[in-house]
């Protein structure tokens, strides 16, 4: 379904600020697989998602989605089959547009451009139906400007926008990190429901190690631009945070010195 084959990415190559972000990453995802990704700051987690989404071009390697090479496609072209939710709730929506207008843009992403009605009755019914599932009362506020919503409401809306057109791949980049604990729990529950009900192939970056082991079907740990650990199945089911830390130390030869991960 998704094949990432020996991709590498270096920022500012040859300069004093050169930084190797990804080193020969190879990764294969099956349809419906849900992968959580953890690692310290600078491990390459967000860079990996950004390379898949087309934000950054890869220096070497191939990215194949549903049998089609996408590593040479522009970001807007890939957006037709890849949904994304960012860490910052403000990035995934247009604040000056209404909830309905944001959802229309998301639903029609990747479709051919042609003259049509602003919003059809069928689309509006779909929006109300999907918004009602969020349990936030937004189904009755379609004409409300998104800039008037709270951070949690905007992030829940962004999640809905990223999945409303049933993308082939969903990328979640620490999408609950900027929310308060109660709201973060709500958004994660919504994520679990949407992903499981629609069997969406998903990659989710998180700093929360408990979350990384309980959400989805597989866990990767990145370190210095490489995949250090890749666990799934029975091994993942019996793995706890202390086990994960021990596995990291054994594989890397060093203790995990990232307080944010240790305390999450």
Protein backbone atom coordinates (compact mmCIF):
# COMPACT_ATOMS: atom_id res chain seq x y z
CA UNK A 1 0.00 0.00 0.00
CA UNK A 2 2.73 2.45 1.07
CA UNK A 3 6.34 1.71 0.28
CA UNK A 4 9.10 4.04 1.46
CA UNK A 5 12.30 2.75 -0.06
CA UNK A 6 15.75 3.89 1.15
CA UNK A 7 14.86 7.58 1.34
CA UNK A 8 17.36 10.10 2.68
CA UNK A 9 17.06 13.78 3.46
CA UNK A 10 19.76 16.30 4.43
CA UNK A 11 19.07 19.95 5.12
CA UNK A 12 21.65 22.60 4.10
CA UNK A 13 24.01 20.01 2.56
CA UNK A 14 27.64 21.09 2.47
CA UNK A 15 27.04 24.10 4.71
CA UNK A 16 27.93 24.85 8.29
CA UNK A 17 24.32 24.13 9.26
CA UNK A 18 24.15 20.76 7.50
CA UNK A 19 21.79 18.36 9.23
CA UNK A 20 21.14 14.78 8.23
CA UNK A 21 17.44 14.23 8.98
CA UNK A 22 16.75 10.84 7.38
CA UNK A 23 19.21 8.07 6.54
CA UNK A 24 18.19 5.25 4.18
CA UNK A 25 14.68 4.86 5.63
CA UNK A 26 12.79 1.82 4.33
CA UNK A 27 9.23 1.22 5.48
CA UNK A 28 6.25 -0.73 4.14
CA UNK A 29 2.64 -0.33 5.31
CA UNK A 30 -0.22 -2.70 4.52
CA UNK A 31 -3.74 -1.38 3.85
CA UNK A 32 -5.47 -0.44 7.10
CA UNK A 33 -2.27 -0.57 9.15
CA UNK A 34 -2.00 2.06 11.89
CA UNK A 35 1.58 2.93 12.83
CA UNK A 36 2.66 5.13 15.73
CA UNK A 37 6.06 6.81 15.53
CA UNK A 38 8.12 7.94 18.51
CA UNK A 39 11.62 9.27 19.04
CA UNK A 40 13.53 12.14 20.58
CA UNK A 41 13.67 15.67 19.24
CA UNK A 42 15.46 15.70 15.90
CA UNK A 43 14.99 11.97 15.35
CA UNK A 44 13.34 12.60 11.95
CA UNK A 45 9.70 11.88 12.80
CA UNK A 46 8.10 15.00 11.31
CA UNK A 47 10.59 15.05 8.45
CA UNK A 48 9.50 11.54 7.46
CA UNK A 49 5.85 12.60 7.34
CA UNK A 50 6.73 15.80 5.48
CA UNK A 51 8.69 13.86 2.86
CA UNK A 52 5.77 11.48 2.33
CA UNK A 53 3.33 14.41 2.07
CA UNK A 54 5.57 16.30 -0.37
CA UNK A 55 6.50 19.24 1.85
CA UNK A 56 10.17 18.30 1.45
CA UNK A 57 11.68 16.57 -1.59
CA UNK A 58 13.77 13.51 -0.83
CA UNK A 59 17.44 13.47 -1.78
CA UNK A 60 17.40 9.78 -2.66
CA UNK A 61 14.97 6.90 -2.67
CA UNK A 62 11.38 6.25 -3.72
CA UNK A 63 7.93 6.68 -2.17
CA UNK A 64 5.17 4.55 -3.67
CA UNK A 65 1.48 4.82 -2.75
CA UNK A 66 -0.95 2.24 -4.16
CA UNK A 67 1.59 1.24 -6.78
CA UNK A 68 2.18 4.81 -7.99
CA UNK A 69 5.46 6.66 -7.44
CA UNK A 70 4.66 9.91 -5.65
CA UNK A 71 8.09 11.16 -4.54
CA UNK A 72 8.31 13.38 -7.63
CA UNK A 73 4.79 14.78 -7.26
CA UNK A 74 4.08 18.23 -5.85
CA UNK A 75 2.50 18.53 -2.41
CA UNK A 76 -0.87 19.70 -3.78
CA UNK A 77 -1.04 16.68 -6.09
CA UNK A 78 -0.40 14.24 -3.24
CA UNK A 79 -3.03 16.00 -1.12
CA UNK A 80 -5.72 14.28 -3.19
CA UNK A 81 -4.85 10.94 -1.59
CA UNK A 82 -3.09 11.98 1.65
CA UNK A 83 -4.86 13.58 4.63
CA UNK A 84 -2.87 15.49 7.26
CA UNK A 85 -3.43 16.88 10.75
CA UNK A 86 -0.76 19.15 12.21
CA UNK A 87 0.36 19.79 15.78
CA UNK A 88 -0.85 23.40 15.67
CA UNK A 89 -4.69 23.53 15.58
CA UNK A 90 -4.47 26.80 13.65
CA UNK A 91 -2.67 25.29 10.63
CA UNK A 92 -5.29 22.87 9.32
CA UNK A 93 -8.18 25.30 8.82
CA UNK A 94 -8.86 28.69 7.25
CA UNK A 95 -9.89 31.00 10.11
CA UNK A 96 -11.67 33.58 7.93
CA UNK A 97 -13.89 30.96 6.28
CA UNK A 98 -16.92 29.22 7.75
CA UNK A 99 -17.03 25.63 8.95
CA UNK A 100 -19.02 24.71 5.86
CA UNK A 101 -16.56 26.40 3.49
CA UNK A 102 -13.62 24.62 5.11
CA UNK A 103 -15.37 21.27 4.77
CA UNK A 104 -16.19 21.91 1.11
CA UNK A 105 -12.53 22.58 0.34
CA UNK A 106 -11.53 19.40 2.15
CA UNK A 107 -14.17 17.25 0.46
CA UNK A 108 -13.22 18.45 -3.03
CA UNK A 109 -9.46 18.33 -2.49
CA UNK A 110 -7.75 16.66 -5.43
CA UNK A 111 -10.84 16.75 -7.67
CA UNK A 112 -10.82 18.39 -11.07
CA UNK A 113 -11.79 22.07 -11.01
CA UNK A 114 -15.04 23.02 -12.72
CA UNK A 115 -17.99 25.34 -12.27
CA UNK A 116 -20.48 24.04 -9.71
CA UNK A 117 -22.81 25.18 -6.96
CA UNK A 118 -21.11 26.49 -3.84
CA UNK A 119 -22.47 23.75 -1.58
CA UNK A 120 -24.98 21.10 -2.59
CA UNK A 121 -27.78 19.90 -0.33
CA UNK A 122 -26.21 16.44 -0.28
CA UNK A 123 -22.86 17.88 0.84
CA UNK A 124 -24.49 19.95 3.58
CA UNK A 125 -26.30 16.86 4.89
CA UNK A 126 -22.99 14.98 4.91
CA UNK A 127 -21.30 17.79 6.85
CA UNK A 128 -24.01 17.83 9.51
CA UNK A 129 -23.89 14.05 9.82
CA UNK A 130 -20.11 13.95 10.25
CA UNK A 131 -19.98 16.97 12.58
CA UNK A 132 -22.61 15.41 14.81
CA UNK A 133 -20.25 12.48 15.42
CA UNK A 134 -17.77 14.89 17.01
CA UNK A 135 -20.22 15.65 19.81
CA UNK A 136 -19.25 19.32 19.88
CA UNK A 137 -22.45 20.89 18.58
CA UNK A 138 -20.76 22.09 15.40
CA UNK A 139 -23.43 20.52 13.17
CA UNK A 140 -25.64 23.51 14.00
CA UNK A 141 -22.91 26.08 13.35
CA UNK A 142 -22.05 25.53 9.68
CA UNK A 143 -22.03 29.30 9.02
CA UNK A 144 -19.72 30.08 11.96
CA UNK A 145 -16.26 31.41 11.11
CA UNK A 146 -13.63 28.86 12.11
CA UNK A 147 -11.57 31.60 13.78
CA UNK A 148 -14.25 31.79 16.50
CA UNK A 149 -13.78 28.14 17.53
CA UNK A 150 -11.59 26.91 20.37
CA UNK A 151 -8.32 25.11 19.71
CA UNK A 152 -9.87 21.74 20.48
CA UNK A 153 -12.85 22.40 18.22
CA UNK A 154 -10.54 23.47 15.39
CA UNK A 155 -8.38 20.38 15.79
CA UNK A 156 -11.43 18.11 15.78
CA UNK A 157 -12.63 19.91 12.64
CA UNK A 158 -9.19 19.52 11.05
CA UNK A 159 -9.32 15.79 11.76
CA UNK A 160 -12.72 15.58 10.11
CA UNK A 161 -11.47 17.60 7.12
CA UNK A 162 -8.46 15.32 6.72
CA UNK A 163 -10.64 12.21 6.61
CA UNK A 164 -13.92 13.33 5.02
CA UNK A 165 -12.78 12.39 1.51
CA UNK A 166 -11.44 9.00 2.71
CA UNK A 167 -7.73 9.51 1.94
CA UNK A 168 -5.55 6.57 1.00
CA UNK A 169 -3.15 7.60 3.77
CA UNK A 170 -3.65 9.67 6.94
CA UNK A 171 -0.68 11.47 8.52
CA UNK A 172 -1.01 12.75 12.10
CA UNK A 173 1.88 14.86 13.36
CA UNK A 174 1.53 15.16 17.17
CA UNK A 175 -2.02 16.35 16.57
CA UNK A 176 -2.96 16.33 20.27
CA UNK A 177 0.26 17.83 21.67
CA UNK A 178 -0.93 21.46 21.74
CA UNK A 179 -4.24 20.69 23.46
CA UNK A 180 -5.10 20.55 27.15
CA UNK A 181 -5.27 16.97 28.55
CA UNK A 182 -9.07 16.71 28.50
CA UNK A 183 -9.37 18.00 24.94
CA UNK A 184 -6.41 15.90 23.80
CA UNK A 185 -8.12 12.76 25.13
CA UNK A 186 -11.32 13.69 23.28
CA UNK A 187 -9.51 14.30 19.99
CA UNK A 188 -7.57 11.03 20.33
CA UNK A 189 -10.82 9.13 20.95
CA UNK A 190 -12.30 10.74 17.83
CA UNK A 191 -9.17 9.76 15.91
CA UNK A 192 -9.43 6.16 17.03
CA UNK A 193 -13.11 5.99 16.04
CA UNK A 194 -12.61 7.55 12.60
CA UNK A 195 -9.53 5.48 11.79
CA UNK A 196 -11.01 2.17 12.93
CA UNK A 197 -14.46 2.64 11.39
CA UNK A 198 -13.03 3.67 8.02
CA UNK A 199 -10.02 1.32 8.13
CA UNK A 200 -7.68 4.19 7.26
CA UNK A 201 -4.01 3.46 6.76
CA UNK A 202 -2.42 5.83 9.26
CA UNK A 203 0.93 7.11 10.50
CA UNK A 204 0.82 8.99 13.81
CA UNK A 205 3.77 10.80 15.39
CA UNK A 206 3.52 11.12 19.17
CA UNK A 207 5.75 11.89 22.14
CA UNK A 208 3.49 9.94 24.48
CA UNK A 209 4.99 6.48 24.86
CA UNK A 210 1.90 4.96 26.49
CA UNK A 211 -0.15 6.29 23.60
CA UNK A 212 2.37 4.92 21.11
CA UNK A 213 1.90 1.40 22.47
CA UNK A 214 -1.88 1.47 22.93
CA UNK A 215 -2.95 3.18 19.70
CA UNK A 216 -2.86 1.37 16.37
CA UNK A 217 -1.20 -1.86 15.34
CA UNK A 218 2.52 -1.13 15.11
CA UNK A 219 5.12 1.11 16.74
CA UNK A 220 8.30 2.55 15.23
CA UNK A 221 11.07 4.37 17.08
CA UNK A 222 13.29 6.72 15.09
CA UNK A 223 16.74 7.79 16.24
CA UNK A 224 19.18 10.01 14.36
CA UNK A 225 17.23 9.63 11.14
CA UNK A 226 17.00 5.84 11.21
CA UNK A 227 14.33 3.33 12.25
CA UNK A 228 15.79 1.90 15.42
CA UNK A 229 12.83 -0.24 16.55
CA UNK A 230 9.85 -1.69 14.68
CA UNK A 231 7.46 -3.76 16.81
CA UNK A 232 4.01 -5.17 16.21
CA UNK A 233 1.84 -8.19 16.94
CA UNK A 234 2.31 -10.18 20.17
CA UNK A 235 5.62 -8.46 20.90
CA UNK A 236 3.97 -5.04 20.93
CA UNK A 237 1.01 -6.24 22.99
CA UNK A 238 3.24 -7.31 25.85
CA UNK A 239 5.62 -4.33 25.63
CA UNK A 240 5.37 -1.62 28.32
CA UNK A 241 7.11 1.75 28.53
CA UNK A 242 10.05 0.44 30.65
CA UNK A 243 10.51 -2.37 28.13
CA UNK A 244 10.53 0.15 25.29
CA UNK A 245 13.16 2.26 27.04
CA UNK A 246 15.31 -0.83 27.61
CA UNK A 247 14.95 -1.85 23.95
CA UNK A 248 15.99 1.63 22.87
CA UNK A 249 19.06 1.63 25.11
CA UNK A 250 20.11 -1.81 23.88
CA UNK A 251 19.66 -0.89 20.20
CA UNK A 252 21.26 2.56 20.39
CA UNK A 253 23.83 2.02 23.12
CA UNK A 254 22.60 5.06 25.05
CA UNK A 255 19.83 6.03 27.43
CA UNK A 256 16.90 8.03 26.12
CA UNK A 257 17.64 11.58 27.28
CA UNK A 258 14.34 13.18 26.37
CA UNK A 259 12.30 14.34 29.36
CA UNK A 260 9.27 15.05 27.23
CA UNK A 261 9.05 11.40 26.22
CA UNK A 262 9.93 10.04 29.62
CA UNK A 263 7.26 12.09 31.38
CA UNK A 264 4.52 11.68 28.75
